[in-house]
Amino acid sequence: KDRVIVRLKNDQIPFILKEGEAEPVTVPPSLDNQLLTHLKWAITHY
């Protein structure tokens, strides 16, 4: 209900949905801020 897993090439990033907003549990150092912003928007939207 409140957990989402994002898979990129070699990374798995867990997200939690809090009050309809996506928040990453951990962020790998290889992930840039722009991509993180797009992922958060996509998860929140879908």
All heavy atoms as atom14 arrays in JSON, in Angstrom:
{
  "sequence": "KDRVIVRLKNDQIPFILKEGEAEPVTVPPSLDNQLLTHLKWAITHY",
  "atom14_mask": [
    [1, 1, 1, 1, 1, 1, 1, 1, 1, 0, 0, 0, 0, 0],
    [1, 1, 1, 1, 1, 1, 1, 1, 0, 0, 0, 0, 0, 0],
    [1, 1, 1, 1, 1, 1, 1, 1, 1, 1, 1, 0, 0, 0],
    [1, 1, 1, 1, 1, 1, 1, 0, 0, 0, 0, 0, 0, 0],
    [1, 1, 1, 1, 1, 1, 1, 1, 0, 0, 0, 0, 0, 0],
    [1, 1, 1, 1, 1, 1, 1, 0, 0, 0, 0, 0, 0, 0],
    [1, 1, 1, 1, 1, 1, 1, 1, 1, 1, 1, 0, 0, 0],
    [1, 1, 1, 1, 1, 1, 1, 1, 0, 0, 0, 0, 0, 0],
    [1, 1, 1, 1, 1, 1, 1, 1, 1, 0, 0, 0, 0, 0],
    [1, 1, 1, 1, 1, 1, 1, 1, 0, 0, 0, 0, 0, 0],
    [1, 1, 1, 1, 1, 1, 1, 1, 0, 0, 0, 0, 0, 0],
    [1, 1, 1, 1, 1, 1, 1, 1, 1, 0, 0, 0, 0, 0],
    [1, 1, 1, 1, 1, 1, 1, 1, 0, 0, 0, 0, 0, 0],
    [1, 1, 1, 1, 1, 1, 1, 0, 0, 0, 0, 0, 0, 0],
    [1, 1, 1, 1, 1, 1, 1, 1, 1, 1, 1, 0, 0, 0],
    [1, 1, 1, 1, 1, 1, 1, 1, 0, 0, 0, 0, 0, 0],
    [1, 1, 1, 1, 1, 1, 1, 1, 0, 0, 0, 0, 0, 0],
    [1, 1, 1, 1, 1, 1, 1, 1, 1, 0, 0, 0, 0, 0],
    [1, 1, 1, 1, 1, 1, 1, 1, 1, 0, 0, 0, 0, 0],
    [1, 1, 1, 1, 0, 0, 0, 0, 0, 0, 0, 0, 0, 0],
    [1, 1, 1, 1, 1, 1, 1, 1, 1, 0, 0, 0, 0, 0],
    [1, 1, 1, 1, 1, 0, 0, 0, 0, 0, 0, 0, 0, 0],
    [1, 1, 1, 1, 1, 1, 1, 1, 1, 0, 0, 0, 0, 0],
    [1, 1, 1, 1, 1, 1, 1, 0, 0, 0, 0, 0, 0, 0],
    [1, 1, 1, 1, 1, 1, 1, 0, 0, 0, 0, 0, 0, 0],
    [1, 1, 1, 1, 1, 1, 1, 0, 0, 0, 0, 0, 0, 0],
    [1, 1, 1, 1, 1, 1, 1, 0, 0, 0, 0, 0, 0, 0],
    [1, 1, 1, 1, 1, 1, 1, 0, 0, 0, 0, 0, 0, 0],
    [1, 1, 1, 1, 1, 1, 1, 0, 0, 0, 0, 0, 0, 0],
    [1, 1, 1, 1, 1, 1, 0, 0, 0, 0, 0, 0, 0, 0],
    [1, 1, 1, 1, 1, 1, 1, 1, 0, 0, 0, 0, 0, 0],
    [1, 1, 1, 1, 1, 1, 1, 1, 0, 0, 0, 0, 0, 0],
    [1, 1, 1, 1, 1, 1, 1, 1, 0, 0, 0, 0, 0, 0],
    [1, 1, 1, 1, 1, 1, 1, 1, 1, 0, 0, 0, 0, 0],
    [1, 1, 1, 1, 1, 1, 1, 1, 0, 0, 0, 0, 0, 0],
    [1, 1, 1, 1, 1, 1, 1, 1, 0, 0, 0, 0, 0, 0],
    [1, 1, 1, 1, 1, 1, 1, 0, 0, 0, 0, 0, 0, 0],
    [1, 1, 1, 1, 1, 1, 1, 1, 1, 1, 0, 0, 0, 0],
    [1, 1, 1, 1, 1, 1, 1, 1, 0, 0, 0, 0, 0, 0],
    [1, 1, 1, 1, 1, 1, 1, 1, 1, 0, 0, 0, 0, 0],
    [1, 1, 1, 1, 1, 1, 1, 1, 1, 1, 1, 1, 1, 1],
    [1, 1, 1, 1, 1, 0, 0, 0, 0, 0, 0, 0, 0, 0],
    [1, 1, 1, 1, 1, 1, 1, 1, 0, 0, 0, 0, 0, 0],
    [1, 1, 1, 1, 1, 1, 1, 0, 0, 0, 0, 0, 0, 0],
    [1, 1, 1, 1, 1, 1, 1, 1, 1, 1, 0, 0, 0, 0],
    [1, 1, 1, 1, 1, 1, 1, 1, 1, 1, 1, 1, 0, 0]
  ],
  "atom14_positions": [
    [[0.81, -1.22, 0.0], [0.0, 0.0, 0.0], [0.85, 1.27, 0.0], [0.49, 2.24, -0.64], [-0.93, -0.01, 1.2], [-1.9, 1.13, 1.23], [-2.85, 1.01, 2.38], [-3.82, 2.18, 2.37], [-4.73, 2.14, 3.49], [0.0, 0.0, 0.0], [0.0, 0.0, 0.0], [0.0, 0.0, 0.0], [0.0, 0.0, 0.0], [0.0, 0.0, 0.0]],
    [[1.96, 1.26, 0.72], [2.76, 2.48, 0.82], [4.23, 2.3, 0.43], [5.06, 3.16, 0.69], [2.67, 3.05, 2.24], [3.27, 2.1, 3.28], [3.46, 0.91, 2.95], [3.52, 2.54, 4.41], [0.0, 0.0, 0.0], [0.0, 0.0, 0.0], [0.0, 0.0, 0.0], [0.0, 0.0, 0.0], [0.0, 0.0, 0.0], [0.0, 0.0, 0.0]],
    [[4.58, 1.2, -0.23], [5.96, 0.96, -0.64], [6.05, 0.77, -2.15], [5.26, 0.05, -2.74], [6.52, -0.29, 0.02], [6.53, -0.2, 1.51], [7.93, -0.4, 2.01], [7.92, -0.37, 3.46], [8.72, 0.4, 4.14], [9.58, 1.16, 3.53], [8.68, 0.4, 5.45], [0.0, 0.0, 0.0], [0.0, 0.0, 0.0], [0.0, 0.0, 0.0]],
    [[7.04, 1.43, -2.74], [7.27, 1.37, -4.17], [8.76, 1.11, -4.4], [9.61, 1.69, -3.71], [6.86, 2.7, -4.86], [7.16, 2.66, -6.33], [5.39, 2.98, -4.62], [0.0, 0.0, 0.0], [0.0, 0.0, 0.0], [0.0, 0.0, 0.0], [0.0, 0.0, 0.0], [0.0, 0.0, 0.0], [0.0, 0.0, 0.0], [0.0, 0.0, 0.0]],
    [[9.09, 0.24, -5.34], [10.48, -0.06, -5.69], [10.75, 0.46, -7.1], [10.01, 0.14, -8.03], [10.77, -1.58, -5.65], [10.52, -2.14, -4.26], [12.19, -1.87, -6.11], [11.49, -1.68, -3.2], [0.0, 0.0, 0.0], [0.0, 0.0, 0.0], [0.0, 0.0, 0.0], [0.0, 0.0, 0.0], [0.0, 0.0, 0.0], [0.0, 0.0, 0.0]],
    [[11.81, 1.25, -7.23], [12.23, 1.75, -8.54], [13.49, 1.0, -8.93], [14.43, 0.89, -8.15], [12.52, 3.26, -8.49], [13.09, 3.74, -9.81], [11.27, 4.03, -8.13], [0.0, 0.0, 0.0], [0.0, 0.0, 0.0], [0.0, 0.0, 0.0], [0.0, 0.0, 0.0], [0.0, 0.0, 0.0], [0.0, 0.0, 0.0], [0.0, 0.0, 0.0]],
    [[13.49, 0.47, -10.15], [14.66, -0.24, -10.65], [15.26, 0.54, -11.81], [14.59, 0.81, -12.8], [14.31, -1.64, -11.1], [13.99, -2.52, -9.94], [13.88, -3.94, -10.33], [13.55, -4.71, -9.14], [13.1, -5.92, -9.17], [12.92, -6.52, -10.31], [12.82, -6.55, -8.05], [0.0, 0.0, 0.0], [0.0, 0.0, 0.0], [0.0, 0.0, 0.0]],
    [[16.51, 0.91, -11.65], [17.32, 1.47, -12.72], [18.35, 0.41, -13.05], [18.49, -0.56, -12.32], [17.99, 2.77, -12.27], [17.05, 3.89, -11.85], [17.83, 4.98, -11.15], [16.33, 4.44, -13.05], [0.0, 0.0, 0.0], [0.0, 0.0, 0.0], [0.0, 0.0, 0.0], [0.0, 0.0, 0.0], [0.0, 0.0, 0.0], [0.0, 0.0, 0.0]],
    [[19.08, 0.59, -14.07], [20.03, -0.42, -14.57], [20.55, -1.38, -13.5], [20.2, -2.55, -13.51], [21.19, 0.3, -15.24], [22.1, -0.6, -16.0], [23.12, 0.21, -16.76], [24.0, -0.71, -17.57], [24.96, 0.04, -18.35], [0.0, 0.0, 0.0], [0.0, 0.0, 0.0], [0.0, 0.0, 0.0], [0.0, 0.0, 0.0], [0.0, 0.0, 0.0]],
    [[21.34, -0.93, -12.56], [21.88, -1.81, -11.52], [21.44, -1.42, -10.11], [21.91, -1.97, -9.14], [23.41, -1.83, -11.57], [23.93, -2.46, -12.83], [23.36, -3.42, -13.33], [25.01, -1.92, -13.35], [0.0, 0.0, 0.0], [0.0, 0.0, 0.0], [0.0, 0.0, 0.0], [0.0, 0.0, 0.0], [0.0, 0.0, 0.0], [0.0, 0.0, 0.0]],
    [[20.55, -0.45, -10.01], [20.14, 0.06, -8.71], [18.67, -0.24, -8.44], [17.86, -0.24, -9.35], [20.32, 1.58, -8.64], [21.78, 2.01, -8.71], [22.63, 1.26, -8.19], [22.04, 3.07, -9.28], [0.0, 0.0, 0.0], [0.0, 0.0, 0.0], [0.0, 0.0, 0.0], [0.0, 0.0, 0.0], [0.0, 0.0, 0.0], [0.0, 0.0, 0.0]],
    [[18.37, -0.48, -7.17], [17.0, -0.56, -6.69], [16.84, 0.51, -5.62], [17.63, 0.56, -4.68], [16.69, -1.92, -6.08], [16.48, -3.0, -7.08], [15.91, -4.25, -6.44], [15.55, -4.24, -5.27], [15.84, -5.32, -7.19], [0.0, 0.0, 0.0], [0.0, 0.0, 0.0], [0.0, 0.0, 0.0], [0.0, 0.0, 0.0], [0.0, 0.0, 0.0]],
    [[15.84, 1.35, -5.78], [15.64, 2.45, -4.85], [14.25, 2.3, -4.24], [13.24, 2.41, -4.95], [15.75, 3.81, -5.57], [17.06, 3.89, -6.34], [15.63, 4.95, -4.58], [17.1, 4.96, -7.37], [0.0, 0.0, 0.0], [0.0, 0.0, 0.0], [0.0, 0.0, 0.0], [0.0, 0.0, 0.0], [0.0, 0.0, 0.0], [0.0, 0.0, 0.0]],
    [[14.16, 2.06, -2.93], [12.85, 1.96, -2.29], [12.29, 3.36, -1.99], [13.02, 4.27, -1.59], [13.13, 1.2, -1.0], [14.57, 1.45, -0.72], [15.25, 1.7, -2.03], [0.0, 0.0, 0.0], [0.0, 0.0, 0.0], [0.0, 0.0, 0.0], [0.0, 0.0, 0.0], [0.0, 0.0, 0.0], [0.0, 0.0, 0.0], [0.0, 0.0, 0.0]],
    [[11.0, 3.52, -2.22], [10.29, 4.76, -1.9], [9.13, 4.43, -0.98], [8.58, 3.34, -1.03], [9.72, 5.41, -3.17], [10.72, 6.18, -3.98], [11.57, 5.54, -4.85], [10.78, 7.56, -3.89], [12.48, 6.24, -5.61], [11.67, 8.28, -4.65], [12.53, 7.64, -5.51], [0.0, 0.0, 0.0], [0.0, 0.0, 0.0], [0.0, 0.0, 0.0]],
    [[8.75, 5.4, -0.16], [7.57, 5.29, 0.7], [6.61, 6.39, 0.29], [7.03, 7.52, 0.04], [7.93, 5.44, 2.19], [8.78, 4.27, 2.64], [6.68, 5.54, 3.04], [9.21, 4.35, 4.09], [0.0, 0.0, 0.0], [0.0, 0.0, 0.0], [0.0, 0.0, 0.0], [0.0, 0.0, 0.0], [0.0, 0.0, 0.0], [0.0, 0.0, 0.0]],
    [[5.33, 6.06, 0.2], [4.3, 7.07, -0.08], [3.79, 7.6, 1.26], [3.21, 6.86, 2.04], [3.16, 6.46, -0.88], [3.5, 6.04, -2.3], [2.34, 5.27, -2.9], [3.83, 7.24, -3.14], [0.0, 0.0, 0.0], [0.0, 0.0, 0.0], [0.0, 0.0, 0.0], [0.0, 0.0, 0.0], [0.0, 0.0, 0.0], [0.0, 0.0, 0.0]],
    [[4.04, 8.87, 1.51], [3.56, 9.52, 2.73], [2.59, 10.62, 2.32], [2.98, 11.57, 1.66], [4.72, 10.15, 3.51], [5.65, 9.15, 4.13], [6.72, 9.87, 4.92], [7.7, 8.9, 5.53], [8.76, 9.57, 6.25], [0.0, 0.0, 0.0], [0.0, 0.0, 0.0], [0.0, 0.0, 0.0], [0.0, 0.0, 0.0], [0.0, 0.0, 0.0]],
    [[1.33, 10.47, 2.7], [0.29, 11.44, 2.4], [0.24, 11.78, 0.92], [0.12, 12.93, 0.52], [0.5, 12.7, 3.24], [0.43, 12.44, 4.73], [0.78, 13.66, 5.55], [1.02, 14.75, 4.98], [0.83, 13.53, 6.78], [0.0, 0.0, 0.0], [0.0, 0.0, 0.0], [0.0, 0.0, 0.0], [0.0, 0.0, 0.0], [0.0, 0.0, 0.0]],
    [[0.41, 10.76, 0.07], [0.33, 10.94, -1.37], [1.6, 11.43, -2.04], [1.64, 11.59, -3.24], [0.0, 0.0, 0.0], [0.0, 0.0, 0.0], [0.0, 0.0, 0.0], [0.0, 0.0, 0.0], [0.0, 0.0, 0.0], [0.0, 0.0, 0.0], [0.0, 0.0, 0.0], [0.0, 0.0, 0.0], [0.0, 0.0, 0.0], [0.0, 0.0, 0.0]],
    [[2.66, 11.66, -1.27], [3.94, 12.12, -1.82], [4.97, 11.01, -1.71], [5.04, 10.31, -0.7], [4.45, 13.34, -1.04], [3.58, 14.56, -1.18], [3.72, 15.23, -2.54], [4.85, 15.25, -3.07], [2.72, 15.71, -3.05], [0.0, 0.0, 0.0], [0.0, 0.0, 0.0], [0.0, 0.0, 0.0], [0.0, 0.0, 0.0], [0.0, 0.0, 0.0]],
    [[5.8, 10.86, -2.74], [6.84, 9.83, -2.75], [8.12, 10.38, -2.11], [8.58, 11.47, -2.44], [7.14, 9.4, -4.18], [0.0, 0.0, 0.0], [0.0, 0.0, 0.0], [0.0, 0.0, 0.0], [0.0, 0.0, 0.0], [0.0, 0.0, 0.0], [0.0, 0.0, 0.0], [0.0, 0.0, 0.0], [0.0, 0.0, 0.0], [0.0, 0.0, 0.0]],
    [[8.68, 9.61, -1.18], [9.94, 9.97, -0.53], [10.88, 8.77, -0.6], [10.5, 7.66, -0.23], [9.71, 10.34, 0.93], [8.95, 11.64, 1.13], [9.7, 12.84, 0.59], [10.95, 12.86, 0.67], [9.04, 13.75, 0.08], [0.0, 0.0, 0.0], [0.0, 0.0, 0.0], [0.0, 0.0, 0.0], [0.0, 0.0, 0.0], [0.0, 0.0, 0.0]],
    [[12.12, 8.97, -1.06], [13.06, 7.84, -1.13], [13.52, 7.42, 0.27], [13.73, 8.26, 1.14], [14.22, 8.4, -1.94], [14.15, 9.87, -1.75], [12.71, 10.2, -1.56], [0.0, 0.0, 0.0], [0.0, 0.0, 0.0], [0.0, 0.0, 0.0], [0.0, 0.0, 0.0], [0.0, 0.0, 0.0], [0.0, 0.0, 0.0], [0.0, 0.0, 0.0]],
    [[13.65, 6.11, 0.47], [14.17, 5.59, 1.73], [15.69, 5.75, 1.75], [16.26, 6.24, 2.71], [13.77, 4.11, 1.93], [14.4, 3.53, 3.17], [12.27, 3.97, 1.96], [0.0, 0.0, 0.0], [0.0, 0.0, 0.0], [0.0, 0.0, 0.0], [0.0, 0.0, 0.0], [0.0, 0.0, 0.0], [0.0, 0.0, 0.0], [0.0, 0.0, 0.0]],
    [[16.34, 5.35, 0.67], [17.78, 5.54, 0.49], [18.02, 6.02, -0.94], [17.26, 5.69, -1.84], [18.58, 4.24, 0.7], [18.11, 3.27, -0.25], [18.41, 3.69, 2.1], [0.0, 0.0, 0.0], [0.0, 0.0, 0.0], [0.0, 0.0, 0.0], [0.0, 0.0, 0.0], [0.0, 0.0, 0.0], [0.0, 0.0, 0.0], [0.0, 0.0, 0.0]],
    [[19.07, 6.8, -1.11], [19.41, 7.31, -2.43], [20.84, 6.92, -2.76], [21.76, 7.3, -2.03], [19.27, 8.85, -2.48], [19.64, 9.38, -3.85], [17.86, 9.27, -2.11], [0.0, 0.0, 0.0], [0.0, 0.0, 0.0], [0.0, 0.0, 0.0], [0.0, 0.0, 0.0], [0.0, 0.0, 0.0], [0.0, 0.0, 0.0], [0.0, 0.0, 0.0]],
    [[21.05, 6.14, -3.82], [22.42, 5.78, -4.19], [23.19, 7.01, -4.67], [22.6, 7.93, -5.24], [22.26, 4.77, -5.32], [20.88, 4.94, -5.81], [20.07, 5.54, -4.71], [0.0, 0.0, 0.0], [0.0, 0.0, 0.0], [0.0, 0.0, 0.0], [0.0, 0.0, 0.0], [0.0, 0.0, 0.0], [0.0, 0.0, 0.0], [0.0, 0.0, 0.0]],
    [[24.5, 7.04, -4.44], [25.3, 8.21, -4.84], [25.33, 8.44, -6.36], [25.6, 9.55, -6.81], [26.7, 7.91, -4.31], [26.7, 6.49, -3.93], [25.29, 6.05, -3.76], [0.0, 0.0, 0.0], [0.0, 0.0, 0.0], [0.0, 0.0, 0.0], [0.0, 0.0, 0.0], [0.0, 0.0, 0.0], [0.0, 0.0, 0.0], [0.0, 0.0, 0.0]],
    [[25.04, 7.41, -7.13], [25.07, 7.54, -8.6], [23.83, 8.25, -9.15], [23.78, 8.57, -10.33], [25.19, 6.16, -9.24], [24.07, 5.37, -8.89], [0.0, 0.0, 0.0], [0.0, 0.0, 0.0], [0.0, 0.0, 0.0], [0.0, 0.0, 0.0], [0.0, 0.0, 0.0], [0.0, 0.0, 0.0], [0.0, 0.0, 0.0], [0.0, 0.0, 0.0]],
    [[22.85, 8.53, -8.32], [21.6, 9.14, -8.77], [21.68, 10.66, -8.65], [21.92, 11.19, -7.57], [20.44, 8.61, -7.92], [19.04, 8.92, -8.39], [18.75, 8.21, -9.71], [18.03, 8.51, -7.36], [0.0, 0.0, 0.0], [0.0, 0.0, 0.0], [0.0, 0.0, 0.0], [0.0, 0.0, 0.0], [0.0, 0.0, 0.0], [0.0, 0.0, 0.0]],
    [[21.49, 11.37, -9.77], [21.55, 12.83, -9.71], [20.2, 13.42, -9.29], [19.17, 12.75, -9.33], [22.03, 13.42, -11.04], [21.08, 13.14, -12.2], [20.02, 12.54, -11.98], [21.42, 13.52, -13.32], [0.0, 0.0, 0.0], [0.0, 0.0, 0.0], [0.0, 0.0, 0.0], [0.0, 0.0, 0.0], [0.0, 0.0, 0.0], [0.0, 0.0, 0.0]],
    [[20.22, 14.68, -8.87], [19.02, 15.32, -8.33], [17.9, 15.46, -9.35], [16.73, 15.33, -9.0], [19.37, 16.71, -7.77], [20.09, 16.61, -6.45], [19.98, 15.62, -5.75], [20.84, 17.64, -6.11], [0.0, 0.0, 0.0], [0.0, 0.0, 0.0], [0.0, 0.0, 0.0], [0.0, 0.0, 0.0], [0.0, 0.0, 0.0], [0.0, 0.0, 0.0]],
    [[18.24, 15.7, -10.6], [17.21, 15.86, -11.63], [16.46, 14.55, -11.85], [15.22, 14.55, -11.91], [17.83, 16.33, -12.94], [16.79, 16.62, -14.0], [17.4, 17.15, -15.28], [18.61, 17.09, -15.46], [16.58, 17.65, -16.17], [0.0, 0.0, 0.0], [0.0, 0.0, 0.0], [0.0, 0.0, 0.0], [0.0, 0.0, 0.0], [0.0, 0.0, 0.0]],
    [[17.18, 13.44, -11.91], [16.54, 12.14, -12.07], [15.69, 11.8, -10.85], [14.57, 11.29, -10.98], [17.58, 11.05, -12.33], [17.05, 9.65, -12.6], [16.12, 9.63, -13.8], [18.2, 8.69, -12.82], [0.0, 0.0, 0.0], [0.0, 0.0, 0.0], [0.0, 0.0, 0.0], [0.0, 0.0, 0.0], [0.0, 0.0, 0.0], [0.0, 0.0, 0.0]],
    [[16.18, 12.11, -9.66], [15.43, 11.86, -8.44], [14.12, 12.66, -8.45], [13.06, 12.13, -8.1], [16.26, 12.23, -7.22], [15.6, 11.99, -5.87], [15.28, 10.52, -5.66], [16.49, 12.51, -4.75], [0.0, 0.0, 0.0], [0.0, 0.0, 0.0], [0.0, 0.0, 0.0], [0.0, 0.0, 0.0], [0.0, 0.0, 0.0], [0.0, 0.0, 0.0]],
    [[14.17, 13.89, -8.89], [12.97, 14.72, -8.97], [11.96, 14.12, -9.94], [10.76, 14.04, -9.64], [13.33, 16.15, -9.43], [14.25, 16.7, -8.48], [12.1, 17.03, -9.51], [0.0, 0.0, 0.0], [0.0, 0.0, 0.0], [0.0, 0.0, 0.0], [0.0, 0.0, 0.0], [0.0, 0.0, 0.0], [0.0, 0.0, 0.0], [0.0, 0.0, 0.0]],
    [[12.42, 13.65, -11.09], [11.52, 13.03, -12.07], [10.92, 11.73, -11.52], [9.74, 11.45, -11.74], [12.25, 12.75, -13.38], [12.56, 13.97, -14.16], [11.59, 14.83, -14.64], [13.73, 14.5, -14.55], [12.15, 15.82, -15.3], [13.45, 15.65, -15.26], [0.0, 0.0, 0.0], [0.0, 0.0, 0.0], [0.0, 0.0, 0.0], [0.0, 0.0, 0.0]],
    [[11.72, 10.95, -10.82], [11.21, 9.7, -10.23], [10.14, 9.99, -9.18], [9.1, 9.33, -9.14], [12.34, 8.89, -9.62], [13.31, 8.24, -10.6], [14.47, 7.61, -9.84], [12.6, 7.2, -11.45], [0.0, 0.0, 0.0], [0.0, 0.0, 0.0], [0.0, 0.0, 0.0], [0.0, 0.0, 0.0], [0.0, 0.0, 0.0], [0.0, 0.0, 0.0]],
    [[10.41, 10.97, -8.32], [9.43, 11.32, -7.28], [8.12, 11.78, -7.91], [7.04, 11.41, -7.46], [10.0, 12.4, -6.36], [11.06, 11.88, -5.42], [11.83, 12.96, -4.71], [11.02, 13.75, -3.76], [11.85, 14.69, -2.96], [0.0, 0.0, 0.0], [0.0, 0.0, 0.0], [0.0, 0.0, 0.0], [0.0, 0.0, 0.0], [0.0, 0.0, 0.0]],
    [[8.21, 12.57, -8.99], [7.01, 13.04, -9.66], [6.24, 11.86, -10.26], [5.02, 11.78, -10.12], [7.36, 14.04, -10.76], [6.13, 14.53, -11.45], [5.36, 15.59, -11.09], [5.49, 13.93, -12.59], [4.29, 15.7, -11.94], [4.34, 14.69, -12.87], [5.79, 12.84, -13.38], [3.49, 14.39, -13.92], [4.92, 12.54, -14.43], [3.8, 13.31, -14.69]],
    [[6.96, 10.95, -10.94], [6.3, 9.82, -11.59], [5.61, 8.93, -10.56], [4.47, 8.51, -10.77], [7.32, 9.01, -12.39], [0.0, 0.0, 0.0], [0.0, 0.0, 0.0], [0.0, 0.0, 0.0], [0.0, 0.0, 0.0], [0.0, 0.0, 0.0], [0.0, 0.0, 0.0], [0.0, 0.0, 0.0], [0.0, 0.0, 0.0], [0.0, 0.0, 0.0]],
    [[6.27, 8.64, -9.46], [5.67, 7.78, -8.43], [4.46, 8.47, -7.82], [3.41, 7.85, -7.64], [6.71, 7.43, -7.34], [7.81, 6.55, -7.94], [6.05, 6.73, -6.17], [9.01, 6.39, -7.05], [0.0, 0.0, 0.0], [0.0, 0.0, 0.0], [0.0, 0.0, 0.0], [0.0, 0.0, 0.0], [0.0, 0.0, 0.0], [0.0, 0.0, 0.0]],
    [[4.59, 9.75, -7.5], [3.46, 10.49, -6.93], [2.3, 10.53, -7.91], [1.14, 10.33, -7.54], [3.89, 11.91, -6.55], [4.95, 11.83, -5.59], [2.74, 12.69, -5.96], [0.0, 0.0, 0.0], [0.0, 0.0, 0.0], [0.0, 0.0, 0.0], [0.0, 0.0, 0.0], [0.0, 0.0, 0.0], [0.0, 0.0, 0.0], [0.0, 0.0, 0.0]],
    [[2.61, 10.74, -9.19], [1.56, 10.83, -10.21], [0.83, 9.49, -10.4], [-0.4, 9.46, -10.46], [2.18, 11.27, -11.52], [1.21, 11.34, -12.65], [0.27, 12.36, -12.76], [1.0, 10.54, -13.71], [-0.45, 12.15, -13.84], [-0.03, 11.06, -14.44], [0.0, 0.0, 0.0], [0.0, 0.0, 0.0], [0.0, 0.0, 0.0], [0.0, 0.0, 0.0]],
    [[1.58, 8.4, -10.49], [0.97, 7.1, -10.78], [0.45, 6.36, -9.54], [-0.51, 5.62, -9.64], [1.95, 6.2, -11.52], [2.18, 6.63, -12.94], [3.42, 7.12, -13.34], [1.17, 6.56, -13.89], [3.63, 7.53, -14.64], [1.37, 6.97, -15.19], [2.61, 7.44, -15.55], [2.82, 7.85, -16.84], [0.0, 0.0, 0.0], [0.0, 0.0, 0.0]]
  ]
}
